[in-house]
Amino acid sequence: MRGLSTLLFFLGIATFIVGVVMGVGAYLVATETSAGPDDKLIMIIVLAIIFGLSYLFFVLSRKAGRKAIELANPTQNSSALQGNQVNAKAERKTGMRIGGIILIVISVFYGLFGLLFTTIIVVGAIMSNPAEEGTISGNWVAAVISFMLMVIPAITGVWIGSSMLKKASAKRNSMQNAAPAYGQNIQQAPQMTSQEAYLKASRQAEQAEQMRRQAAAGQAEQARRQAGAAEEAKRKAAAAKQSTREPLLHKSADTASSPPTRPQRAPQSVACKGCGAQQNVVPGQGAVCEYCGTALT
């Protein structure tokens, strides 16, 4: 694309120079009998000024356009905010394509201006009135038309190129200022090829930041839920332990409050003093002999 635009640029310059030479030659031949030497010199000077101004503005417009393309043309790390090298390659191709088309259009128009210059000069020379000595009004009209067709578009080209340069610089500065907020290197800040690409990068960066915040909020909420679940499990375990402990405490209290019981003694065989019969008597308890009624101890 750049090679083709450069070739068309030189072809346009060559066509313009040929047009100037042919136009001046045709003018000199056509006005040989109708204009004096001074008029011819003035006309040649006017045409030279028109050519110089047109060429100057054209060069300035191409320079501004190339500079804008260089600023807008992404490098290998142009999609740092997106983190996508495929987007960087696509943006680079888009920048080259747009820049090449602009340069080709300017070069083609410049070549056509050369042909128009030739035609206008010849027509202007024919419009000169040979019957009146020194009358070259037709050539002045041709000069004015040449100025309108060449200088004004060249000035327009400068304005367009300057606008491209200003927009490209503003985009690069915006991306450089936005890069530190997302932890990027300022020297490797993305250089976007269009306002849409810049807005896309900004939206993707904002979405990434929003997703990061949502993820952090989700993790915090999950941690709170886990902490609440652990606290609830601990509370239930304490309640279960307390409910198990209370019956044991009540049983211990009942056991402690009841009076101690004496152990019962085994009955012993005792001989009755009255009749001599053997009777089983529990020690400490009174008994009566079932045969004679004597008290046993």
C-alpha atoms as a PDB file:
ATOM      1  CA  MET A   1       0.000   0.000   0.000  1.00  0.00           C
ATOM      2  CA  ARG A   2       2.781   2.456   0.837  1.00  0.00           C
ATOM      3  CA  GLY A   3       4.715   1.506  -2.303  1.00  0.00           C
ATOM      4  CA  LEU A   4       1.681   2.110  -4.500  1.00  0.00           C
ATOM      5  CA  SER A   5       0.936   5.455  -2.861  1.00  0.00           C
ATOM      6  CA  THR A   6       4.573   6.553  -3.310  1.00  0.00           C
ATOM      7  CA  LEU A   7       4.507   5.540  -6.997  1.00  0.00           C
ATOM      8  CA  LEU A   8       1.304   7.473  -7.580  1.00  0.00           C
ATOM      9  CA  PHE A   9       2.801  10.436  -5.754  1.00  0.00           C
ATOM     10  CA  PHE A  10       5.757  10.659  -8.144  1.00  0.00           C
ATOM     11  CA  LEU A  11       3.483  10.052 -11.131  1.00  0.00           C
ATOM     12  CA  GLY A  12       1.295  12.909  -9.962  1.00  0.00           C
ATOM     13  CA  ILE A  13       4.294  15.231  -9.597  1.00  0.00           C
ATOM     14  CA  ALA A  14       5.596  14.229 -13.041  1.00  0.00           C
ATOM     15  CA  THR A  15       2.183  14.763 -14.601  1.00  0.00           C
ATOM     16  CA  PHE A  16       1.917  18.160 -12.983  1.00  0.00           C
ATOM     17  CA  ILE A  17       5.355  19.245 -14.213  1.00  0.00           C
ATOM     18  CA  VAL A  18       4.563  18.070 -17.741  1.00  0.00           C
ATOM     19  CA  GLY A  19       1.288  19.948 -17.554  1.00  0.00           C
ATOM     20  CA  VAL A  20       3.046  23.134 -16.458  1.00  0.00           C
ATOM     21  CA  VAL A  21       5.610  22.901 -19.252  1.00  0.00           C
ATOM     22  CA  MET A  22       2.978  22.165 -21.878  1.00  0.00           C
ATOM     23  CA  GLY A  23       0.683  24.856 -20.552  1.00  0.00           C
ATOM     24  CA  VAL A  24       3.360  27.553 -20.498  1.00  0.00           C
ATOM     25  CA  GLY A  25       4.516  26.535 -23.976  1.00  0.00           C
ATOM     26  CA  ALA A  26       0.984  26.623 -25.321  1.00  0.00           C
ATOM     27  CA  TYR A  27       0.438  29.971 -23.659  1.00  0.00           C
ATOM     28  CA  LEU A  28       3.554  31.493 -25.203  1.00  0.00           C
ATOM     29  CA  VAL A  29       2.604  30.234 -28.656  1.00  0.00           C
ATOM     30  CA  ALA A  30      -1.028  31.311 -28.408  1.00  0.00           C
ATOM     31  CA  THR A  31      -0.207  34.812 -27.113  1.00  0.00           C
ATOM     32  CA  GLU A  32       2.663  35.480 -29.504  1.00  0.00           C
ATOM     33  CA  THR A  33       0.711  38.187 -31.290  1.00  0.00           C
ATOM     34  CA  SER A  34      -1.695  39.294 -28.579  1.00  0.00           C
ATOM     35  CA  ALA A  35       0.427  40.014 -25.524  1.00  0.00           C
ATOM     36  CA  GLY A  36       3.577  41.949 -24.856  1.00  0.00           C
ATOM     37  CA  PRO A  37       6.703  40.616 -23.099  1.00  0.00           C
ATOM     38  CA  ASP A  38       5.726  42.179 -19.789  1.00  0.00           C
ATOM     39  CA  ASP A  39       2.314  40.564 -19.829  1.00  0.00           C
ATOM     40  CA  LYS A  40       3.866  37.186 -20.630  1.00  0.00           C
ATOM     41  CA  LEU A  41       6.360  37.545 -17.784  1.00  0.00           C
ATOM     42  CA  ILE A  42       3.653  38.523 -15.328  1.00  0.00           C
ATOM     43  CA  MET A  43       1.493  35.582 -16.354  1.00  0.00           C
ATOM     44  CA  ILE A  44       4.403  33.142 -16.017  1.00  0.00           C
ATOM     45  CA  ILE A  45       5.192  34.534 -12.557  1.00  0.00           C
ATOM     46  CA  VAL A  46       1.550  34.186 -11.514  1.00  0.00           C
ATOM     47  CA  LEU A  47       1.435  30.601 -12.754  1.00  0.00           C
ATOM     48  CA  ALA A  48       4.718  29.830 -10.990  1.00  0.00           C
ATOM     49  CA  ILE A  49       3.319  31.241  -7.744  1.00  0.00           C
ATOM     50  CA  ILE A  50       0.197  29.132  -8.140  1.00  0.00           C
ATOM     51  CA  PHE A  51       2.324  26.062  -8.760  1.00  0.00           C
ATOM     52  CA  GLY A  52       4.573  26.815  -5.770  1.00  0.00           C
ATOM     53  CA  LEU A  53       1.694  27.416  -3.370  1.00  0.00           C
ATOM     54  CA  SER A  54      -0.147  24.328  -4.543  1.00  0.00           C
ATOM     55  CA  TYR A  55       2.939  22.150  -4.211  1.00  0.00           C
ATOM     56  CA  LEU A  56       3.770  23.593  -0.768  1.00  0.00           C
ATOM     57  CA  PHE A  57       0.296  22.985   0.594  1.00  0.00           C
ATOM     58  CA  PHE A  58       0.248  19.533  -0.956  1.00  0.00           C
ATOM     59  CA  VAL A  59       3.540  18.581   0.718  1.00  0.00           C
ATOM     60  CA  LEU A  60       2.303  19.915   4.045  1.00  0.00           C
ATOM     61  CA  SER A  61      -0.930  17.946   3.754  1.00  0.00           C
ATOM     62  CA  ARG A  62       0.947  14.721   2.952  1.00  0.00           C
ATOM     63  CA  LYS A  63       3.345  15.315   5.838  1.00  0.00           C
ATOM     64  CA  ALA A  64       0.506  15.876   8.292  1.00  0.00           C
ATOM     65  CA  GLY A  65      -1.328  12.841   6.953  1.00  0.00           C
ATOM     66  CA  ARG A  66       1.741  10.585   7.259  1.00  0.00           C
ATOM     67  CA  LYS A  67       2.389  11.819  10.789  1.00  0.00           C
ATOM     68  CA  ALA A  68      -1.219  11.121  11.734  1.00  0.00           C
ATOM     69  CA  ILE A  69      -0.967   7.626  10.260  1.00  0.00           C
ATOM     70  CA  GLU A  70       2.205   6.948  12.262  1.00  0.00           C
ATOM     71  CA  LEU A  71       0.492   8.071  15.453  1.00  0.00           C
ATOM     72  CA  ALA A  72      -2.653   6.088  14.715  1.00  0.00           C
ATOM     73  CA  ASN A  73      -0.836   2.998  13.456  1.00  0.00           C
ATOM     74  CA  PRO A  74      -0.701   0.433  16.309  1.00  0.00           C
ATOM     75  CA  THR A  75       2.488  -1.360  17.300  1.00  0.00           C
ATOM     76  CA  GLN A  76       2.889  -4.896  18.635  1.00  0.00           C
ATOM     77  CA  ASN A  77       1.665  -3.812  22.080  1.00  0.00           C
ATOM     78  CA  SER A  78      -1.048  -1.422  20.919  1.00  0.00           C
ATOM     79  CA  SER A  79      -3.876  -3.406  22.522  1.00  0.00           C
ATOM     80  CA  ALA A  80      -2.456  -3.407  26.053  1.00  0.00           C
ATOM     81  CA  LEU A  81      -5.794  -2.540  27.576  1.00  0.00           C
ATOM     82  CA  GLN A  82      -7.536  -5.323  25.697  1.00  0.00           C
ATOM     83  CA  GLY A  83      -4.648  -7.751  26.125  1.00  0.00           C
ATOM     84  CA  ASN A  84      -5.443  -9.126  22.657  1.00  0.00           C
ATOM     85  CA  GLN A  85      -2.690  -9.338  20.037  1.00  0.00           C
ATOM     86  CA  VAL A  86      -5.214 -10.269  17.338  1.00  0.00           C
ATOM     87  CA  ASN A  87      -6.915  -6.904  17.808  1.00  0.00           C
ATOM     88  CA  ALA A  88      -3.530  -5.184  17.558  1.00  0.00           C
ATOM     89  CA  LYS A  89      -2.836  -6.854  14.198  1.00  0.00           C
ATOM     90  CA  ALA A  90      -6.297  -5.937  12.891  1.00  0.00           C
ATOM     91  CA  GLU A  91      -5.874  -2.326  14.023  1.00  0.00           C
ATOM     92  CA  ARG A  92      -2.461  -2.150  12.375  1.00  0.00           C
ATOM     93  CA  LYS A  93      -3.878  -3.399   9.065  1.00  0.00           C
ATOM     94  CA  THR A  94      -6.764  -0.949   9.325  1.00  0.00           C
ATOM     95  CA  GLY A  95      -4.390   1.968   9.949  1.00  0.00           C
ATOM     96  CA  MET A  96      -2.205   1.027   6.982  1.00  0.00           C
ATOM     97  CA  ARG A  97      -5.247   0.588   4.744  1.00  0.00           C
ATOM     98  CA  ILE A  98      -6.807   3.933   5.666  1.00  0.00           C
ATOM     99  CA  GLY A  99      -3.498   5.792   5.434  1.00  0.00           C
ATOM    100  CA  GLY A 100      -2.657   4.234   2.064  1.00  0.00           C
ATOM    101  CA  ILE A 101      -6.062   5.116   0.651  1.00  0.00           C
ATOM    102  CA  ILE A 102      -5.689   8.731   1.774  1.00  0.00           C
ATOM    103  CA  LEU A 103      -2.243   9.043   0.185  1.00  0.00           C
ATOM    104  CA  ILE A 104      -3.427   7.388  -3.044  1.00  0.00           C
ATOM    105  CA  VAL A 105      -6.419   9.718  -3.327  1.00  0.00           C
ATOM    106  CA  ILE A 106      -4.234  12.786  -2.761  1.00  0.00           C
ATOM    107  CA  SER A 107      -1.688  11.599  -5.353  1.00  0.00           C
ATOM    108  CA  VAL A 108      -4.335  10.834  -7.979  1.00  0.00           C
ATOM    109  CA  PHE A 109      -5.977  14.205  -7.468  1.00  0.00           C
ATOM    110  CA  TYR A 110      -2.624  15.915  -7.786  1.00  0.00           C
ATOM    111  CA  GLY A 111      -2.007  14.169 -11.125  1.00  0.00           C
ATOM    112  CA  LEU A 112      -5.452  15.184 -12.337  1.00  0.00           C
ATOM    113  CA  PHE A 113      -4.732  18.761 -11.295  1.00  0.00           C
ATOM    114  CA  GLY A 114      -1.687  18.680 -13.582  1.00  0.00           C
ATOM    115  CA  LEU A 115      -3.850  17.642 -16.515  1.00  0.00           C
ATOM    116  CA  LEU A 116      -6.440  20.264 -15.626  1.00  0.00           C
ATOM    117  CA  PHE A 117      -3.673  22.838 -15.423  1.00  0.00           C
ATOM    118  CA  THR A 118      -2.605  22.024 -18.980  1.00  0.00           C
ATOM    119  CA  THR A 119      -6.175  22.204 -20.259  1.00  0.00           C
ATOM    120  CA  ILE A 120      -6.966  25.469 -18.499  1.00  0.00           C
ATOM    121  CA  ILE A 121      -3.808  27.197 -19.727  1.00  0.00           C
ATOM    122  CA  VAL A 122      -4.467  26.139 -23.313  1.00  0.00           C
ATOM    123  CA  VAL A 123      -8.101  27.243 -23.109  1.00  0.00           C
ATOM    124  CA  GLY A 124      -7.043  30.510 -21.532  1.00  0.00           C
ATOM    125  CA  ALA A 125      -4.561  31.152 -24.320  1.00  0.00           C
ATOM    126  CA  ILE A 126      -7.230  30.462 -26.917  1.00  0.00           C
ATOM    127  CA  MET A 127      -9.583  32.860 -25.129  1.00  0.00           C
ATOM    128  CA  SER A 128      -7.079  35.684 -25.588  1.00  0.00           C
ATOM    129  CA  ASN A 129      -8.192  38.283 -28.128  1.00  0.00           C
ATOM    130  CA  PRO A 130      -5.472  38.690 -30.757  1.00  0.00           C
ATOM    131  CA  ALA A 131      -7.222  41.704 -32.238  1.00  0.00           C
ATOM    132  CA  GLU A 132      -6.496  43.903 -29.237  1.00  0.00           C
ATOM    133  CA  GLU A 133      -2.849  44.367 -28.376  1.00  0.00           C
ATOM    134  CA  GLY A 134      -1.973  43.469 -24.750  1.00  0.00           C
ATOM    135  CA  THR A 135      -5.343  41.941 -23.868  1.00  0.00           C
ATOM    136  CA  ILE A 136      -4.902  38.711 -21.912  1.00  0.00           C
ATOM    137  CA  SER A 137      -8.083  38.683 -19.856  1.00  0.00           C
ATOM    138  CA  GLY A 138      -8.696  35.067 -20.815  1.00  0.00           C
ATOM    139  CA  ASN A 139      -5.346  34.045 -19.359  1.00  0.00           C
ATOM    140  CA  TRP A 140      -6.074  35.847 -16.114  1.00  0.00           C
ATOM    141  CA  VAL A 141      -9.332  33.949 -15.919  1.00  0.00           C
ATOM    142  CA  ALA A 142      -7.346  30.764 -16.500  1.00  0.00           C
ATOM    143  CA  ALA A 143      -4.952  31.734 -13.718  1.00  0.00           C
ATOM    144  CA  VAL A 144      -7.816  32.343 -11.293  1.00  0.00           C
ATOM    145  CA  ILE A 145      -9.432  29.026 -12.190  1.00  0.00           C
ATOM    146  CA  SER A 146      -6.076  27.291 -11.759  1.00  0.00           C
ATOM    147  CA  PHE A 147      -5.756  28.831  -8.322  1.00  0.00           C
ATOM    148  CA  MET A 148      -9.236  27.651  -7.352  1.00  0.00           C
ATOM    149  CA  LEU A 149      -8.675  24.115  -8.660  1.00  0.00           C
ATOM    150  CA  MET A 150      -5.200  23.617  -7.222  1.00  0.00           C
ATOM    151  CA  VAL A 151      -4.456  25.836  -4.249  1.00  0.00           C
ATOM    152  CA  ILE A 152      -7.843  25.573  -2.539  1.00  0.00           C
ATOM    153  CA  PRO A 153      -7.874  21.725  -2.605  1.00  0.00           C
ATOM    154  CA  ALA A 154      -4.270  21.764  -1.394  1.00  0.00           C
ATOM    155  CA  ILE A 155      -5.247  23.993   1.532  1.00  0.00           C
ATOM    156  CA  THR A 156      -8.137  21.619   2.208  1.00  0.00           C
ATOM    157  CA  GLY A 157      -5.644  18.756   2.246  1.00  0.00           C
ATOM    158  CA  VAL A 158      -3.553  20.594   4.847  1.00  0.00           C
ATOM    159  CA  TRP A 159      -6.641  21.133   6.980  1.00  0.00           C
ATOM    160  CA  ILE A 160      -7.639  17.462   6.731  1.00  0.00           C
ATOM    161  CA  GLY A 161      -4.102  16.288   7.493  1.00  0.00           C
ATOM    162  CA  SER A 162      -3.831  18.625  10.479  1.00  0.00           C
ATOM    163  CA  SER A 163      -7.178  17.403  11.802  1.00  0.00           C
ATOM    164  CA  MET A 164      -6.012  13.794  11.473  1.00  0.00           C
ATOM    165  CA  LEU A 165      -2.790  14.649  13.283  1.00  0.00           C
ATOM    166  CA  LYS A 166      -4.617  16.418  16.097  1.00  0.00           C
ATOM    167  CA  LYS A 167      -7.112  13.576  16.576  1.00  0.00           C
ATOM    168  CA  ALA A 168      -4.405  10.921  16.506  1.00  0.00           C
ATOM    169  CA  SER A 169      -2.320  12.844  19.064  1.00  0.00           C
ATOM    170  CA  ALA A 170      -5.352  13.318  21.310  1.00  0.00           C
ATOM    171  CA  LYS A 171      -6.171   9.599  21.170  1.00  0.00           C
ATOM    172  CA  ARG A 172      -2.613   8.615  21.996  1.00  0.00           C
ATOM    173  CA  ASN A 173      -2.466  11.057  24.914  1.00  0.00           C
ATOM    174  CA  SER A 174      -5.819   9.791  26.210  1.00  0.00           C
ATOM    175  CA  MET A 175      -4.631   6.194  26.134  1.00  0.00           C
ATOM    176  CA  GLN A 176      -1.335   7.132  27.806  1.00  0.00           C
ATOM    177  CA  ASN A 177      -3.230   8.880  30.591  1.00  0.00           C
ATOM    178  CA  ALA A 178      -5.647   5.972  30.969  1.00  0.00           C
ATOM    179  CA  ALA A 179      -2.957   3.284  30.993  1.00  0.00           C
ATOM    180  CA  PRO A 180      -1.603   3.900  34.559  1.00  0.00           C
ATOM    181  CA  ALA A 181      -5.106   3.468  35.999  1.00  0.00           C
ATOM    182  CA  TYR A 182      -5.094  -0.110  34.781  1.00  0.00           C
ATOM    183  CA  GLY A 183      -1.481  -0.865  35.670  1.00  0.00           C
ATOM    184  CA  GLN A 184      -0.079  -0.458  32.154  1.00  0.00           C
ATOM    185  CA  ASN A 185       3.249   1.009  31.112  1.00  0.00           C
ATOM    186  CA  ILE A 186       2.902   4.561  29.797  1.00  0.00           C
ATOM    187  CA  GLN A 187       5.567   4.024  27.172  1.00  0.00           C
ATOM    188  CA  GLN A 188       3.635   1.012  25.827  1.00  0.00           C
ATOM    189  CA  ALA A 189       0.250   2.767  25.844  1.00  0.00           C
ATOM    190  CA  PRO A 190      -2.058   1.654  23.051  1.00  0.00           C
ATOM    191  CA  GLN A 191      -2.309   3.810  19.931  1.00  0.00           C
ATOM    192  CA  MET A 192      -5.769   3.467  18.474  1.00  0.00           C
ATOM    193  CA  THR A 193      -6.730   3.840  14.825  1.00  0.00           C
ATOM    194  CA  SER A 194     -10.264   5.125  15.382  1.00  0.00           C
ATOM    195  CA  GLN A 195     -12.556   6.553  18.014  1.00  0.00           C
ATOM    196  CA  GLU A 196     -14.492   3.286  18.000  1.00  0.00           C
ATOM    197  CA  ALA A 197     -11.370   1.317  18.866  1.00  0.00           C
ATOM    198  CA  TYR A 198     -10.594   3.699  21.724  1.00  0.00           C
ATOM    199  CA  LEU A 199     -14.130   3.432  23.084  1.00  0.00           C
ATOM    200  CA  LYS A 200     -14.010  -0.352  22.736  1.00  0.00           C
ATOM    201  CA  ALA A 201     -10.778  -0.488  24.729  1.00  0.00           C
ATOM    202  CA  SER A 202     -12.262   1.762  27.409  1.00  0.00           C
ATOM    203  CA  ARG A 203     -15.407  -0.370  27.662  1.00  0.00           C
ATOM    204  CA  GLN A 204     -13.402  -3.576  27.912  1.00  0.00           C
ATOM    205  CA  ALA A 205     -11.191  -2.077  30.604  1.00  0.00           C
ATOM    206  CA  GLU A 206     -14.237  -0.904  32.562  1.00  0.00           C
ATOM    207  CA  GLN A 207     -15.871  -4.323  32.197  1.00  0.00           C
ATOM    208  CA  ALA A 208     -12.702  -6.024  33.418  1.00  0.00           C
ATOM    209  CA  GLU A 209     -12.555  -3.705  36.429  1.00  0.00           C
ATOM    210  CA  GLN A 210     -16.246  -4.294  37.146  1.00  0.00           C
ATOM    211  CA  MET A 211     -15.802  -8.074  36.903  1.00  0.00           C
ATOM    212  CA  ARG A 212     -12.841  -7.863  39.269  1.00  0.00           C
ATOM    213  CA  ARG A 213     -14.908  -5.897  41.773  1.00  0.00           C
ATOM    214  CA  GLN A 214     -17.830  -8.314  41.468  1.00  0.00           C
ATOM    215  CA  ALA A 215     -15.498 -11.264  41.984  1.00  0.00           C
ATOM    216  CA  ALA A 216     -14.026  -9.606  45.069  1.00  0.00           C
ATOM    217  CA  ALA A 217     -17.520  -8.838  46.388  1.00  0.00           C
ATOM    218  CA  GLY A 218     -18.607 -12.436  45.724  1.00  0.00           C
ATOM    219  CA  GLN A 219     -15.604 -13.810  47.576  1.00  0.00           C
ATOM    220  CA  ALA A 220     -16.299 -11.521  50.524  1.00  0.00           C
ATOM    221  CA  GLU A 221     -19.961 -12.581  50.592  1.00  0.00           C
ATOM    222  CA  GLN A 222     -18.983 -16.253  50.436  1.00  0.00           C
ATOM    223  CA  ALA A 223     -16.514 -15.745  53.286  1.00  0.00           C
ATOM    224  CA  ARG A 224     -19.240 -14.077  55.365  1.00  0.00           C
ATOM    225  CA  ARG A 225     -21.610 -16.954  54.674  1.00  0.00           C
ATOM    226  CA  GLN A 226     -18.997 -19.522  55.630  1.00  0.00           C
ATOM    227  CA  ALA A 227     -18.219 -17.636  58.826  1.00  0.00           C
ATOM    228  CA  GLY A 228     -21.949 -17.463  59.644  1.00  0.00           C
ATOM    229  CA  ALA A 229     -22.367 -21.186  58.980  1.00  0.00           C
ATOM    230  CA  ALA A 230     -19.402 -21.991  61.232  1.00  0.00           C
ATOM    231  CA  GLU A 231     -20.804 -19.771  63.969  1.00  0.00           C
ATOM    232  CA  GLU A 232     -24.221 -21.430  63.656  1.00  0.00           C
ATOM    233  CA  ALA A 233     -22.661 -24.912  63.848  1.00  0.00           C
ATOM    234  CA  LYS A 234     -20.697 -23.879  66.926  1.00  0.00           C
ATOM    235  CA  ARG A 235     -23.836 -22.497  68.560  1.00  0.00           C
ATOM    236  CA  LYS A 236     -25.788 -25.696  67.835  1.00  0.00           C
ATOM    237  CA  ALA A 237     -22.961 -27.845  69.215  1.00  0.00           C
ATOM    238  CA  ALA A 238     -22.880 -25.777  72.399  1.00  0.00           C
ATOM    239  CA  ALA A 239     -26.664 -26.070  72.759  1.00  0.00           C
ATOM    240  CA  ALA A 240     -26.519 -29.845  72.255  1.00  0.00           C
ATOM    241  CA  LYS A 241     -23.767 -30.141  74.816  1.00  0.00           C
ATOM    242  CA  GLN A 242     -25.734 -28.041  77.266  1.00  0.00           C
ATOM    243  CA  SER A 243     -28.887 -30.128  76.765  1.00  0.00           C
ATOM    244  CA  THR A 244     -26.890 -33.322  77.383  1.00  0.00           C
ATOM    245  CA  ARG A 245     -25.257 -31.944  80.515  1.00  0.00           C
ATOM    246  CA  GLU A 246     -28.435 -30.720  82.260  1.00  0.00           C
ATOM    247  CA  PRO A 247     -29.965 -34.230  82.946  1.00  0.00           C
ATOM    248  CA  LEU A 248     -26.677 -35.371  84.409  1.00  0.00           C
ATOM    249  CA  LEU A 249     -26.617 -32.345  86.683  1.00  0.00           C
ATOM    250  CA  HIS A 250     -30.204 -32.984  87.819  1.00  0.00           C
ATOM    251  CA  LYS A 251     -29.440 -36.647  88.520  1.00  0.00           C
ATOM    252  CA  SER A 252     -26.361 -35.712  90.529  1.00  0.00           C
ATOM    253  CA  ALA A 253     -28.387 -33.179  92.504  1.00  0.00           C
ATOM    254  CA  ASP A 254     -31.101 -35.753  93.306  1.00  0.00           C
ATOM    255  CA  THR A 255     -28.505 -38.249  94.399  1.00  0.00           C
ATOM    256  CA  ALA A 256     -26.829 -35.695  96.639  1.00  0.00           C
ATOM    257  CA  SER A 257     -30.128 -34.576  98.294  1.00  0.00           C
ATOM    258  CA  SER A 258     -31.406 -38.123  99.241  1.00  0.00           C
ATOM    259  CA  PRO A 259     -30.322 -39.393 102.799  1.00  0.00           C
ATOM    260  CA  PRO A 260     -27.820 -42.207 102.924  1.00  0.00           C
ATOM    261  CA  THR A 261     -29.279 -45.658 103.637  1.00  0.00           C
ATOM    262  CA  ARG A 262     -27.766 -47.987 106.208  1.00  0.00           C
ATOM    263  CA  PRO A 263     -26.700 -51.386 105.002  1.00  0.00           C
ATOM    264  CA  GLN A 264     -28.923 -54.181 106.276  1.00  0.00           C
ATOM    265  CA  ARG A 265     -27.269 -56.785 108.537  1.00  0.00           C
ATOM    266  CA  ALA A 266     -27.619 -60.487 107.945  1.00  0.00           C
ATOM    267  CA  PRO A 267     -29.935 -62.384 110.408  1.00  0.00           C
ATOM    268  CA  GLN A 268     -28.230 -64.393 113.155  1.00  0.00           C
ATOM    269  CA  SER A 269     -29.326 -67.581 114.911  1.00  0.00           C
ATOM    270  CA  VAL A 270     -30.237 -66.918 118.556  1.00  0.00           C
ATOM    271  CA  ALA A 271     -31.254 -69.521 121.221  1.00  0.00           C
ATOM    272  CA  CYS A 272     -34.402 -68.741 123.211  1.00  0.00           C
ATOM    273  CA  LYS A 273     -33.715 -68.405 126.905  1.00  0.00           C
ATOM    274  CA  GLY A 274     -37.143 -69.747 127.826  1.00  0.00           C
ATOM    275  CA  CYS A 275     -37.412 -72.922 125.787  1.00  0.00           C
ATOM    276  CA  GLY A 276     -34.018 -73.137 124.116  1.00  0.00           C
ATOM    277  CA  ALA A 277     -35.387 -73.116 120.556  1.00  0.00           C
ATOM    278  CA  GLN A 278     -33.176 -71.581 117.793  1.00  0.00           C
ATOM    279  CA  GLN A 279     -34.586 -68.477 116.066  1.00  0.00           C
ATOM    280  CA  ASN A 280     -33.140 -66.187 113.253  1.00  0.00           C
ATOM    281  CA  VAL A 281     -33.003 -62.603 114.467  1.00  0.00           C
ATOM    282  CA  VAL A 282     -31.681 -59.485 112.616  1.00  0.00           C
ATOM    283  CA  PRO A 283     -29.231 -57.673 114.891  1.00  0.00           C
ATOM    284  CA  GLY A 284     -30.642 -54.453 116.280  1.00  0.00           C
ATOM    285  CA  GLN A 285     -34.237 -55.520 115.759  1.00  0.00           C
ATOM    286  CA  GLY A 286     -36.438 -57.000 118.460  1.00  0.00           C
ATOM    287  CA  ALA A 287     -38.127 -60.433 118.020  1.00  0.00           C
ATOM    288  CA  VAL A 288     -40.344 -62.830 120.059  1.00  0.00           C
ATOM    289  CA  CYS A 289     -39.953 -66.596 120.298  1.00  0.00           C
ATOM    290  CA  GLU A 290     -42.743 -68.156 118.412  1.00  0.00           C
ATOM    291  CA  TYR A 291     -42.877 -71.119 120.804  1.00  0.00           C
ATOM    292  CA  CYS A 292     -42.865 -69.593 124.303  1.00  0.00           C
ATOM    293  CA  GLY A 293     -43.199 -65.888 123.643  1.00  0.00           C
ATOM    294  CA  THR A 294     -39.879 -64.955 125.230  1.00  0.00           C
ATOM    295  CA  ALA A 295     -38.243 -61.748 123.855  1.00  0.00           C
ATOM    296  CA  LEU A 296     -35.183 -62.476 121.758  1.00  0.00           C
ATOM    297  CA  THR A 297     -32.269 -60.016 121.528  1.00  0.00           C
END
